[in-house]
Amino acid sequence: MTDTWNEYAKGRDENPTVRLYADHAFASLVSTTDIRSSDWTSKRVLDFGCGTGSLAQNVAPFVGELIAVDTSEKMIAVLESKHIPNVIAVHGDILAPDQPCKVDLQSGFDLIYASSVCGFLPDYEGAVLALAGLLRSGGRFVQWDWQASDGDEFGLSEDQIQNALQKAKFESIRVERAFSMETDGQILPVLIGTGIA
C-alpha cells in the first residue's frame, strides 16, 4: 500500500479535491473543538496518516507542536518541503512495535486526528486502540472517513466507527456525517468520529 501512496504524492497538493477535503475537515474540527483558542498554543497534536500535510497546514498555526506521520516516504518529503515551523514530519509506522520512532510518543497528545486514513488500515480497531493509548487524559481523537455504502468495501460505516471508539474506551463518542464531496459525478459523504480519552 505504501508504494501506491508514494505514487499519489507528486501533484497531490495541486488536486483541488484534496485541498477542499482538508478545508472541510478543518471546519468540522473547529466546530467540534476550540482549536482556534489561545489555549491550544501549548498543545501537542498528532496527525496520523498526514499525507502531504494538507490538513496539518490548517491546524499548525493554532497549536504548539504538530507531529505528522505517514508511511509514505514521498508524502513526507512533500510535507517537509513546506517548512512549517512547528510541524515535525515523521516517515514510518508508529504503531509497528518493531520500528523505532524518531519522536517522543510517550509524552502524549492533546489531539490525535486521522483524515481519510482509518478506512484503509488493515486493523482499524487495533489502530484506534493504540492511538487512544497515546492521548493524554482528556485528549481528543478525531477521524474523518468516507462513508461506506451497503456491501461496499470502501470506507467505514457509522456502526464500525462507533464500535471502534467504544472498544478503545473513549467517552463522549459522536459519529455523524461531517460533509460531502462530489467526485466523478458522485456525492460521497464523509463521516466524523470523535471521542475523549
N, C-alpha and C. Protein backbone atom coordinates (compact mmCIF):
# COMPACT_ATOMS: atom_id res chain seq x y z
N MET A 1 0.82 -1.21 0.00
CA MET A 1 0.00 0.00 0.00
C MET A 1 0.86 1.26 0.00
N THR A 2 2.03 1.20 0.67
CA THR A 2 2.89 2.38 0.73
C THR A 2 3.33 2.82 -0.65
N ASP A 3 3.67 1.85 -1.52
CA ASP A 3 4.08 2.19 -2.89
C ASP A 3 2.98 2.96 -3.61
N THR A 4 1.73 2.55 -3.40
CA THR A 4 0.61 3.23 -4.04
C THR A 4 0.52 4.68 -3.57
N TRP A 5 0.67 4.90 -2.26
CA TRP A 5 0.60 6.26 -1.73
C TRP A 5 1.79 7.09 -2.20
N ASN A 6 2.96 6.45 -2.37
CA ASN A 6 4.11 7.16 -2.92
C ASN A 6 3.80 7.70 -4.31
N GLU A 7 3.07 6.92 -5.10
CA GLU A 7 2.71 7.34 -6.46
C GLU A 7 1.78 8.56 -6.43
N TYR A 8 0.94 8.67 -5.40
CA TYR A 8 0.00 9.78 -5.30
C TYR A 8 0.64 11.08 -4.80
N ALA A 9 1.85 11.00 -4.26
CA ALA A 9 2.46 12.18 -3.62
C ALA A 9 2.68 13.32 -4.61
N LYS A 10 3.22 13.00 -5.78
CA LYS A 10 3.52 14.05 -6.75
C LYS A 10 2.22 14.63 -7.31
N GLY A 11 2.08 15.92 -7.18
CA GLY A 11 0.91 16.61 -7.71
C GLY A 11 -0.31 16.56 -6.80
N ARG A 12 -0.20 15.88 -5.65
CA ARG A 12 -1.35 15.76 -4.75
C ARG A 12 -1.86 17.12 -4.28
N ASP A 13 -0.94 18.02 -3.96
CA ASP A 13 -1.33 19.33 -3.45
C ASP A 13 -1.99 20.20 -4.52
N GLU A 14 -1.80 19.87 -5.77
CA GLU A 14 -2.43 20.64 -6.85
C GLU A 14 -3.86 20.16 -7.12
N ASN A 15 -4.25 19.05 -6.49
CA ASN A 15 -5.59 18.50 -6.69
C ASN A 15 -6.58 19.30 -5.85
N PRO A 16 -7.52 20.02 -6.48
CA PRO A 16 -8.45 20.86 -5.71
C PRO A 16 -9.34 20.06 -4.76
N THR A 17 -9.60 18.80 -5.08
CA THR A 17 -10.41 17.96 -4.20
C THR A 17 -9.70 17.69 -2.89
N VAL A 18 -8.39 17.48 -2.95
CA VAL A 18 -7.59 17.24 -1.73
C VAL A 18 -7.63 18.46 -0.83
N ARG A 19 -7.45 19.63 -1.42
CA ARG A 19 -7.48 20.88 -0.64
C ARG A 19 -8.87 21.12 -0.04
N LEU A 20 -9.92 20.88 -0.84
CA LEU A 20 -11.28 21.09 -0.37
C LEU A 20 -11.61 20.13 0.78
N TYR A 21 -11.19 18.87 0.66
CA TYR A 21 -11.42 17.88 1.72
C TYR A 21 -10.75 18.37 3.01
N ALA A 22 -9.50 18.82 2.93
CA ALA A 22 -8.78 19.31 4.10
C ALA A 22 -9.48 20.52 4.71
N ASP A 23 -9.97 21.43 3.87
CA ASP A 23 -10.67 22.61 4.38
C ASP A 23 -11.96 22.23 5.09
N HIS A 24 -12.70 21.27 4.52
CA HIS A 24 -13.94 20.80 5.16
C HIS A 24 -13.63 20.10 6.48
N ALA A 25 -12.58 19.28 6.48
CA ALA A 25 -12.21 18.57 7.71
C ALA A 25 -11.82 19.58 8.79
N PHE A 26 -11.05 20.60 8.42
CA PHE A 26 -10.65 21.60 9.40
C PHE A 26 -11.87 22.36 9.94
N ALA A 27 -12.80 22.70 9.08
CA ALA A 27 -14.01 23.40 9.52
C ALA A 27 -14.79 22.55 10.52
N SER A 28 -14.87 21.25 10.28
CA SER A 28 -15.58 20.39 11.22
C SER A 28 -14.78 20.20 12.50
N LEU A 29 -13.45 20.25 12.42
CA LEU A 29 -12.62 20.20 13.63
C LEU A 29 -12.86 21.45 14.48
N VAL A 30 -12.93 22.59 13.83
CA VAL A 30 -13.20 23.85 14.54
C VAL A 30 -14.56 23.78 15.23
N SER A 31 -15.54 23.16 14.57
CA SER A 31 -16.88 23.11 15.16
C SER A 31 -16.99 22.10 16.30
N THR A 32 -16.03 21.17 16.41
CA THR A 32 -16.09 20.17 17.49
C THR A 32 -15.06 20.42 18.60
N THR A 33 -14.13 21.35 18.36
CA THR A 33 -13.13 21.69 19.38
C THR A 33 -13.00 23.22 19.40
N ASP A 34 -12.24 23.70 20.35
CA ASP A 34 -11.96 25.14 20.40
C ASP A 34 -10.53 25.40 19.91
N ILE A 35 -10.12 24.68 18.88
CA ILE A 35 -8.72 24.65 18.44
C ILE A 35 -8.17 26.03 18.06
N ARG A 36 -9.02 26.98 17.75
CA ARG A 36 -8.52 28.31 17.41
C ARG A 36 -8.37 29.22 18.63
N SER A 37 -8.66 28.69 19.82
CA SER A 37 -8.50 29.50 21.03
C SER A 37 -7.03 29.50 21.46
N SER A 38 -6.66 30.48 22.27
CA SER A 38 -5.27 30.59 22.71
C SER A 38 -4.83 29.42 23.58
N ASP A 39 -5.77 28.68 24.15
CA ASP A 39 -5.43 27.51 24.96
C ASP A 39 -4.63 26.47 24.17
N TRP A 40 -4.85 26.43 22.86
CA TRP A 40 -4.21 25.40 22.04
C TRP A 40 -2.77 25.73 21.67
N THR A 41 -2.29 26.92 21.93
CA THR A 41 -0.93 27.28 21.52
C THR A 41 0.14 26.50 22.27
N SER A 42 -0.22 25.82 23.33
CA SER A 42 0.74 24.98 24.04
C SER A 42 0.42 23.49 23.89
N LYS A 43 -0.55 23.16 23.05
CA LYS A 43 -0.99 21.76 22.93
C LYS A 43 -0.15 20.99 21.92
N ARG A 44 -0.14 19.68 22.13
CA ARG A 44 0.61 18.75 21.28
C ARG A 44 -0.38 17.92 20.47
N VAL A 45 -0.15 17.85 19.15
CA VAL A 45 -1.11 17.21 18.25
C VAL A 45 -0.38 16.18 17.38
N LEU A 46 -1.08 15.08 17.10
CA LEU A 46 -0.58 14.05 16.19
C LEU A 46 -1.50 13.96 14.99
N ASP A 47 -0.93 14.14 13.80
CA ASP A 47 -1.63 13.94 12.53
C ASP A 47 -1.23 12.56 12.04
N PHE A 48 -2.11 11.58 12.21
CA PHE A 48 -1.83 10.19 11.88
C PHE A 48 -2.23 9.93 10.43
N GLY A 49 -1.24 9.61 9.59
CA GLY A 49 -1.50 9.42 8.16
C GLY A 49 -1.64 10.76 7.47
N CYS A 50 -0.67 11.63 7.68
CA CYS A 50 -0.76 13.05 7.30
C CYS A 50 -0.72 13.31 5.80
N GLY A 51 -0.27 12.33 5.02
CA GLY A 51 -0.12 12.58 3.58
C GLY A 51 0.86 13.72 3.34
N THR A 52 0.50 14.63 2.47
CA THR A 52 1.39 15.77 2.16
C THR A 52 1.16 16.95 3.10
N GLY A 53 0.31 16.75 4.11
CA GLY A 53 0.12 17.79 5.13
C GLY A 53 -0.93 18.83 4.84
N SER A 54 -1.90 18.51 3.99
CA SER A 54 -2.94 19.49 3.66
C SER A 54 -3.71 19.94 4.90
N LEU A 55 -4.09 19.00 5.75
CA LEU A 55 -4.80 19.37 6.96
C LEU A 55 -3.85 19.94 8.01
N ALA A 56 -2.63 19.41 8.07
CA ALA A 56 -1.63 19.93 9.02
C ALA A 56 -1.38 21.41 8.80
N GLN A 57 -1.39 21.86 7.55
CA GLN A 57 -1.19 23.28 7.26
C GLN A 57 -2.27 24.14 7.90
N ASN A 58 -3.49 23.63 7.98
CA ASN A 58 -4.59 24.37 8.60
C ASN A 58 -4.49 24.37 10.12
N VAL A 59 -4.06 23.24 10.69
CA VAL A 59 -4.04 23.07 12.14
C VAL A 59 -2.82 23.72 12.78
N ALA A 60 -1.66 23.60 12.14
CA ALA A 60 -0.38 24.02 12.73
C ALA A 60 -0.36 25.44 13.30
N PRO A 61 -0.94 26.44 12.64
CA PRO A 61 -0.86 27.80 13.19
C PRO A 61 -1.51 27.98 14.57
N PHE A 62 -2.33 27.01 14.99
CA PHE A 62 -3.08 27.18 16.24
C PHE A 62 -2.55 26.34 17.40
N VAL A 63 -1.55 25.47 17.14
CA VAL A 63 -1.09 24.55 18.18
C VAL A 63 0.39 24.73 18.47
N GLY A 64 0.83 24.17 19.59
CA GLY A 64 2.23 24.30 19.97
C GLY A 64 3.14 23.44 19.13
N GLU A 65 2.80 22.15 19.00
CA GLU A 65 3.63 21.22 18.24
C GLU A 65 2.72 20.23 17.52
N LEU A 66 3.04 19.96 16.27
CA LEU A 66 2.27 19.01 15.48
C LEU A 66 3.22 17.96 14.92
N ILE A 67 3.04 16.72 15.35
CA ILE A 67 3.80 15.59 14.82
C ILE A 67 2.97 15.00 13.69
N ALA A 68 3.52 14.99 12.49
CA ALA A 68 2.81 14.49 11.31
C ALA A 68 3.49 13.22 10.82
N VAL A 69 2.78 12.09 10.84
CA VAL A 69 3.38 10.81 10.48
C VAL A 69 2.68 10.19 9.29
N ASP A 70 3.46 9.52 8.47
CA ASP A 70 2.91 8.80 7.33
C ASP A 70 3.87 7.70 6.93
N THR A 71 3.33 6.61 6.40
CA THR A 71 4.18 5.50 5.96
C THR A 71 4.75 5.74 4.56
N SER A 72 4.26 6.76 3.86
CA SER A 72 4.74 7.08 2.52
C SER A 72 5.90 8.07 2.60
N GLU A 73 7.06 7.61 2.20
CA GLU A 73 8.26 8.46 2.22
C GLU A 73 8.10 9.69 1.33
N LYS A 74 7.46 9.51 0.19
CA LYS A 74 7.32 10.63 -0.74
C LYS A 74 6.30 11.66 -0.24
N MET A 75 5.25 11.20 0.43
CA MET A 75 4.30 12.15 1.03
C MET A 75 5.01 13.00 2.08
N ILE A 76 5.82 12.35 2.92
CA ILE A 76 6.56 13.07 3.96
C ILE A 76 7.55 14.06 3.34
N ALA A 77 8.17 13.68 2.24
CA ALA A 77 9.11 14.58 1.57
C ALA A 77 8.40 15.86 1.10
N VAL A 78 7.18 15.72 0.58
CA VAL A 78 6.42 16.89 0.15
C VAL A 78 6.10 17.77 1.36
N LEU A 79 5.67 17.15 2.45
CA LEU A 79 5.36 17.91 3.66
C LEU A 79 6.60 18.65 4.18
N GLU A 80 7.73 17.97 4.22
CA GLU A 80 8.96 18.60 4.71
C GLU A 80 9.35 19.80 3.86
N SER A 81 9.06 19.74 2.56
CA SER A 81 9.43 20.84 1.66
C SER A 81 8.63 22.12 1.96
N LYS A 82 7.56 22.00 2.73
CA LYS A 82 6.73 23.16 3.07
C LYS A 82 7.32 23.97 4.23
N HIS A 83 8.24 23.37 4.98
CA HIS A 83 8.95 24.07 6.08
C HIS A 83 7.99 24.78 7.03
N ILE A 84 7.02 24.03 7.54
CA ILE A 84 6.08 24.58 8.52
C ILE A 84 6.79 24.53 9.89
N PRO A 85 6.99 25.68 10.53
CA PRO A 85 7.87 25.77 11.70
C PRO A 85 7.60 24.79 12.84
N ASN A 86 6.36 24.59 13.22
CA ASN A 86 6.09 23.74 14.38
C ASN A 86 5.61 22.33 14.01
N VAL A 87 5.86 21.93 12.76
CA VAL A 87 5.48 20.59 12.31
C VAL A 87 6.74 19.72 12.21
N ILE A 88 6.69 18.58 12.87
CA ILE A 88 7.75 17.58 12.77
C ILE A 88 7.21 16.44 11.93
N ALA A 89 7.78 16.26 10.74
CA ALA A 89 7.33 15.22 9.82
C ALA A 89 8.11 13.94 10.08
N VAL A 90 7.37 12.83 10.19
CA VAL A 90 7.99 11.54 10.52
C VAL A 90 7.54 10.49 9.51
N HIS A 91 8.52 9.86 8.87
CA HIS A 91 8.21 8.76 7.96
C HIS A 91 8.29 7.45 8.74
N GLY A 92 7.24 6.66 8.68
CA GLY A 92 7.26 5.36 9.34
C GLY A 92 5.90 4.98 9.88
N ASP A 93 5.83 3.77 10.41
CA ASP A 93 4.61 3.25 11.01
C ASP A 93 4.78 3.29 12.51
N ILE A 94 4.23 4.32 13.15
CA ILE A 94 4.43 4.49 14.59
C ILE A 94 3.71 3.44 15.41
N LEU A 95 2.81 2.68 14.79
CA LEU A 95 2.09 1.65 15.52
C LEU A 95 2.77 0.28 15.42
N ALA A 96 3.80 0.17 14.59
CA ALA A 96 4.51 -1.10 14.46
C ALA A 96 5.47 -1.25 15.64
N PRO A 97 5.32 -2.32 16.43
CA PRO A 97 6.14 -2.46 17.64
C PRO A 97 7.63 -2.64 17.35
N ASP A 98 7.97 -3.11 16.17
CA ASP A 98 9.38 -3.38 15.86
C ASP A 98 10.09 -2.20 15.18
N GLN A 99 9.39 -1.09 14.98
CA GLN A 99 10.02 0.07 14.34
C GLN A 99 10.31 1.15 15.36
N PRO A 100 11.58 1.56 15.46
CA PRO A 100 11.89 2.66 16.38
C PRO A 100 11.28 3.96 15.85
N CYS A 101 10.85 4.80 16.77
CA CYS A 101 10.24 6.07 16.38
C CYS A 101 11.19 7.21 16.68
N LYS A 102 11.26 8.18 15.77
CA LYS A 102 12.19 9.31 15.91
C LYS A 102 11.67 10.41 16.81
N VAL A 103 10.43 10.29 17.26
CA VAL A 103 9.86 11.32 18.12
C VAL A 103 9.32 10.69 19.39
N ASP A 104 9.16 11.52 20.40
CA ASP A 104 8.62 11.08 21.67
C ASP A 104 7.11 10.95 21.57
N LEU A 105 6.64 9.72 21.65
CA LEU A 105 5.20 9.48 21.63
C LEU A 105 4.65 9.34 23.04
N GLN A 106 5.52 8.98 23.98
CA GLN A 106 5.07 8.67 25.33
C GLN A 106 4.64 9.89 26.14
N SER A 107 5.05 11.09 25.73
CA SER A 107 4.61 12.30 26.43
C SER A 107 3.13 12.56 26.22
N GLY A 108 2.57 11.92 25.23
CA GLY A 108 1.14 12.02 24.98
C GLY A 108 0.75 13.21 24.12
N PHE A 109 -0.49 13.16 23.67
CA PHE A 109 -1.02 14.18 22.78
C PHE A 109 -2.37 14.68 23.31
N ASP A 110 -2.63 15.94 23.04
CA ASP A 110 -3.92 16.54 23.40
C ASP A 110 -4.97 16.28 22.32
N LEU A 111 -4.50 16.04 21.11
CA LEU A 111 -5.39 15.74 19.99
C LEU A 111 -4.66 14.81 19.04
N ILE A 112 -5.35 13.77 18.63
CA ILE A 112 -4.87 12.90 17.54
C ILE A 112 -5.98 12.89 16.50
N TYR A 113 -5.62 13.17 15.26
CA TYR A 113 -6.62 13.09 14.20
C TYR A 113 -6.09 12.27 13.03
N ALA A 114 -7.03 11.67 12.31
CA ALA A 114 -6.72 10.85 11.14
C ALA A 114 -7.73 11.20 10.06
N SER A 115 -7.25 11.75 8.98
CA SER A 115 -8.12 12.23 7.91
C SER A 115 -8.05 11.31 6.70
N SER A 116 -9.14 10.63 6.44
CA SER A 116 -9.24 9.68 5.32
C SER A 116 -8.13 8.64 5.39
N VAL A 117 -7.96 8.06 6.58
CA VAL A 117 -6.90 7.09 6.83
C VAL A 117 -7.46 5.77 7.35
N CYS A 118 -8.33 5.84 8.34
CA CYS A 118 -8.75 4.65 9.08
C CYS A 118 -9.40 3.58 8.20
N GLY A 119 -10.15 4.00 7.20
CA GLY A 119 -10.79 3.05 6.30
C GLY A 119 -9.82 2.24 5.47
N PHE A 120 -8.56 2.66 5.42
CA PHE A 120 -7.55 1.95 4.64
C PHE A 120 -6.65 1.06 5.52
N LEU A 121 -6.84 1.10 6.82
CA LEU A 121 -5.98 0.36 7.73
C LEU A 121 -6.36 -1.12 7.78
N PRO A 122 -5.38 -2.04 7.79
CA PRO A 122 -5.70 -3.46 7.85
C PRO A 122 -6.34 -3.86 9.19
N ASP A 123 -5.98 -3.17 10.28
CA ASP A 123 -6.57 -3.43 11.59
C ASP A 123 -7.03 -2.11 12.18
N TYR A 124 -8.16 -1.64 11.68
CA TYR A 124 -8.70 -0.34 12.09
C TYR A 124 -8.92 -0.28 13.61
N GLU A 125 -9.63 -1.25 14.15
CA GLU A 125 -9.93 -1.21 15.59
C GLU A 125 -8.67 -1.26 16.43
N GLY A 126 -7.69 -2.08 16.03
CA GLY A 126 -6.42 -2.16 16.75
C GLY A 126 -5.66 -0.85 16.71
N ALA A 127 -5.72 -0.17 15.57
CA ALA A 127 -5.03 1.12 15.43
C ALA A 127 -5.67 2.17 16.32
N VAL A 128 -6.99 2.22 16.36
CA VAL A 128 -7.68 3.20 17.20
C VAL A 128 -7.36 2.95 18.67
N LEU A 129 -7.32 1.69 19.07
CA LEU A 129 -6.97 1.34 20.45
C LEU A 129 -5.55 1.81 20.78
N ALA A 130 -4.61 1.58 19.86
CA ALA A 130 -3.22 2.01 20.08
C ALA A 130 -3.12 3.54 20.14
N LEU A 131 -3.82 4.22 19.26
CA LEU A 131 -3.80 5.68 19.26
C LEU A 131 -4.42 6.25 20.53
N ALA A 132 -5.47 5.60 21.02
CA ALA A 132 -6.09 6.04 22.28
C ALA A 132 -5.07 6.02 23.42
N GLY A 133 -4.16 5.06 23.38
CA GLY A 133 -3.13 4.96 24.40
C GLY A 133 -2.09 6.06 24.33
N LEU A 134 -2.07 6.82 23.24
CA LEU A 134 -1.11 7.92 23.09
C LEU A 134 -1.71 9.27 23.50
N LEU A 135 -2.98 9.27 23.86
CA LEU A 135 -3.63 10.52 24.26
C LEU A 135 -3.43 10.80 25.74
N ARG A 136 -3.27 12.06 26.05
CA ARG A 136 -3.27 12.49 27.45
C ARG A 136 -4.69 12.40 27.98
N SER A 137 -4.83 12.36 29.29
CA SER A 137 -6.15 12.34 29.90
C SER A 137 -6.95 13.56 29.43
N GLY A 138 -8.13 13.33 28.93
CA GLY A 138 -8.95 14.42 28.40
C GLY A 138 -8.65 14.76 26.96
N GLY A 139 -7.65 14.09 26.38
CA GLY A 139 -7.31 14.33 24.98
C GLY A 139 -8.39 13.81 24.05
N ARG A 140 -8.39 14.32 22.84
CA ARG A 140 -9.45 14.02 21.89
C ARG A 140 -8.91 13.28 20.67
N PHE A 141 -9.69 12.30 20.22
CA PHE A 141 -9.41 11.59 18.97
C PHE A 141 -10.48 11.99 17.96
N VAL A 142 -10.05 12.33 16.74
CA VAL A 142 -10.98 12.70 15.68
C VAL A 142 -10.56 11.99 14.40
N GLN A 143 -11.54 11.39 13.72
CA GLN A 143 -11.26 10.78 12.42
C GLN A 143 -12.33 11.20 11.42
N TRP A 144 -11.89 11.30 10.18
CA TRP A 144 -12.81 11.52 9.05
C TRP A 144 -12.58 10.37 8.08
N ASP A 145 -13.65 9.77 7.62
CA ASP A 145 -13.55 8.70 6.64
C ASP A 145 -14.75 8.71 5.73
N TRP A 146 -14.53 8.24 4.50
CA TRP A 146 -15.62 8.11 3.55
C TRP A 146 -16.64 7.14 4.12
N GLN A 147 -17.93 7.47 3.98
CA GLN A 147 -18.98 6.60 4.48
C GLN A 147 -19.18 5.44 3.52
N ALA A 148 -19.14 4.23 4.06
CA ALA A 148 -19.32 3.03 3.24
C ALA A 148 -20.78 2.90 2.84
N SER A 149 -20.99 2.47 1.61
CA SER A 149 -22.34 2.13 1.15
C SER A 149 -22.59 0.67 1.52
N ASP A 150 -23.85 0.26 1.49
CA ASP A 150 -24.18 -1.13 1.81
C ASP A 150 -23.40 -2.09 0.91
N GLY A 151 -22.72 -3.04 1.52
CA GLY A 151 -21.98 -4.05 0.78
C GLY A 151 -20.71 -3.55 0.13
N ASP A 152 -20.34 -2.31 0.39
CA ASP A 152 -19.15 -1.71 -0.21
C ASP A 152 -17.95 -1.90 0.72
N GLU A 153 -16.83 -2.32 0.17
CA GLU A 153 -15.61 -2.49 0.98
C GLU A 153 -14.87 -1.17 1.16
N PHE A 154 -15.28 -0.15 0.46
CA PHE A 154 -14.64 1.16 0.51
C PHE A 154 -15.25 1.98 1.63
N GLY A 155 -14.45 2.53 2.50
CA GLY A 155 -14.93 3.40 3.57
C GLY A 155 -15.32 2.65 4.82
N LEU A 156 -15.95 3.37 5.73
CA LEU A 156 -16.40 2.82 7.01
C LEU A 156 -17.86 3.21 7.25
N SER A 157 -18.56 2.38 7.99
CA SER A 157 -19.94 2.71 8.35
C SER A 157 -19.96 3.41 9.71
N GLU A 158 -21.08 4.03 10.01
CA GLU A 158 -21.23 4.67 11.32
C GLU A 158 -21.06 3.64 12.44
N ASP A 159 -21.62 2.44 12.24
CA ASP A 159 -21.50 1.38 13.26
C ASP A 159 -20.06 0.95 13.47
N GLN A 160 -19.30 0.81 12.38
CA GLN A 160 -17.89 0.43 12.52
C GLN A 160 -17.11 1.45 13.33
N ILE A 161 -17.35 2.72 13.06
CA ILE A 161 -16.64 3.78 13.80
C ILE A 161 -17.08 3.78 15.26
N GLN A 162 -18.38 3.71 15.48
CA GLN A 162 -18.92 3.69 16.85
C GLN A 162 -18.31 2.53 17.65
N ASN A 163 -18.30 1.34 17.06
CA ASN A 163 -17.76 0.16 17.74
C ASN A 163 -16.29 0.31 18.06
N ALA A 164 -15.51 0.84 17.11
CA ALA A 164 -14.06 1.00 17.34
C ALA A 164 -13.80 2.00 18.46
N LEU A 165 -14.54 3.09 18.48
CA LEU A 165 -14.35 4.10 19.52
C LEU A 165 -14.78 3.57 20.89
N GLN A 166 -15.83 2.77 20.91
CA GLN A 166 -16.27 2.16 22.17
C GLN A 166 -15.25 1.16 22.68
N LYS A 167 -14.71 0.33 21.79
CA LYS A 167 -13.71 -0.66 22.21
C LYS A 167 -12.44 0.00 22.73
N ALA A 168 -12.15 1.21 22.23
CA ALA A 168 -10.98 1.96 22.70
C ALA A 168 -11.29 2.71 24.00
N LYS A 169 -12.52 2.55 24.49
CA LYS A 169 -12.96 3.13 25.76
C LYS A 169 -12.98 4.66 25.77
N PHE A 170 -13.28 5.25 24.62
CA PHE A 170 -13.45 6.68 24.57
C PHE A 170 -14.76 7.08 25.24
N GLU A 171 -14.81 8.30 25.74
CA GLU A 171 -16.03 8.86 26.30
C GLU A 171 -16.55 9.93 25.34
N SER A 172 -17.78 10.36 25.56
CA SER A 172 -18.40 11.41 24.75
C SER A 172 -18.26 11.14 23.25
N ILE A 173 -18.54 9.91 22.86
CA ILE A 173 -18.39 9.50 21.46
C ILE A 173 -19.49 10.11 20.61
N ARG A 174 -19.06 10.64 19.45
CA ARG A 174 -20.01 11.14 18.45
C ARG A 174 -19.59 10.65 17.08
N VAL A 175 -20.54 10.16 16.33
CA VAL A 175 -20.30 9.74 14.94
C VAL A 175 -21.44 10.33 14.11
N GLU A 176 -21.07 11.09 13.09
CA GLU A 176 -22.09 11.72 12.25
C GLU A 176 -21.49 12.10 10.90
N ARG A 177 -22.36 12.48 10.00
CA ARG A 177 -21.89 12.96 8.71
C ARG A 177 -21.31 14.36 8.89
N ALA A 178 -20.08 14.54 8.44
CA ALA A 178 -19.41 15.84 8.60
C ALA A 178 -19.63 16.73 7.38
N PHE A 179 -19.48 16.15 6.20
CA PHE A 179 -19.64 16.89 4.95
C PHE A 179 -19.71 15.89 3.82
N SER A 180 -19.94 16.36 2.62
CA SER A 180 -19.96 15.51 1.42
C SER A 180 -19.05 16.11 0.37
N MET A 181 -18.54 15.24 -0.49
CA MET A 181 -17.67 15.67 -1.58
C MET A 181 -18.23 15.13 -2.88
N GLU A 182 -18.14 15.94 -3.92
CA GLU A 182 -18.54 15.46 -5.24
C GLU A 182 -17.29 15.06 -6.00
N THR A 183 -17.29 13.83 -6.47
CA THR A 183 -16.16 13.35 -7.26
C THR A 183 -16.67 12.39 -8.34
N ASP A 184 -16.22 12.60 -9.54
CA ASP A 184 -16.64 11.79 -10.69
C ASP A 184 -18.16 11.70 -10.80
N GLY A 185 -18.84 12.82 -10.55
CA GLY A 185 -20.28 12.87 -10.68
C GLY A 185 -21.05 12.22 -9.54
N GLN A 186 -20.34 11.75 -8.51
CA GLN A 186 -20.99 11.12 -7.36
C GLN A 186 -20.85 12.01 -6.14
N ILE A 187 -21.86 11.99 -5.28
CA ILE A 187 -21.78 12.68 -4.00
C ILE A 187 -21.38 11.65 -2.96
N LEU A 188 -20.20 11.84 -2.36
CA LEU A 188 -19.70 10.89 -1.37
C LEU A 188 -19.69 11.54 0.01
N PRO A 189 -20.47 10.97 0.95
CA PRO A 189 -20.48 11.52 2.30
C PRO A 189 -19.23 11.13 3.09
N VAL A 190 -18.82 12.03 3.98
CA VAL A 190 -17.68 11.80 4.86
C VAL A 190 -18.17 11.84 6.29
N LEU A 191 -17.82 10.80 7.05
CA LEU A 191 -18.20 10.71 8.45
C LEU A 191 -17.09 11.27 9.34
N ILE A 192 -17.50 11.82 10.48
CA ILE A 192 -16.56 12.22 11.51
C ILE A 192 -16.88 11.40 12.75
N GLY A 193 -15.82 10.88 13.36
CA GLY A 193 -15.96 10.17 14.63
C GLY A 193 -15.08 10.85 15.65
N THR A 194 -15.61 11.12 16.84
CA THR A 194 -14.82 11.79 17.87
C THR A 194 -15.02 11.07 19.20
N GLY A 195 -13.98 11.12 20.01
CA GLY A 195 -14.06 10.57 21.35
C GLY A 195 -13.03 11.23 22.24
N ILE A 196 -13.28 11.21 23.54
CA ILE A 196 -12.38 11.83 24.52
C ILE A 196 -11.79 10.75 25.41
N ALA A 197 -10.50 10.82 25.64
CA ALA A 197 -9.79 9.83 26.45
C ALA A 197 -10.07 10.06 27.93
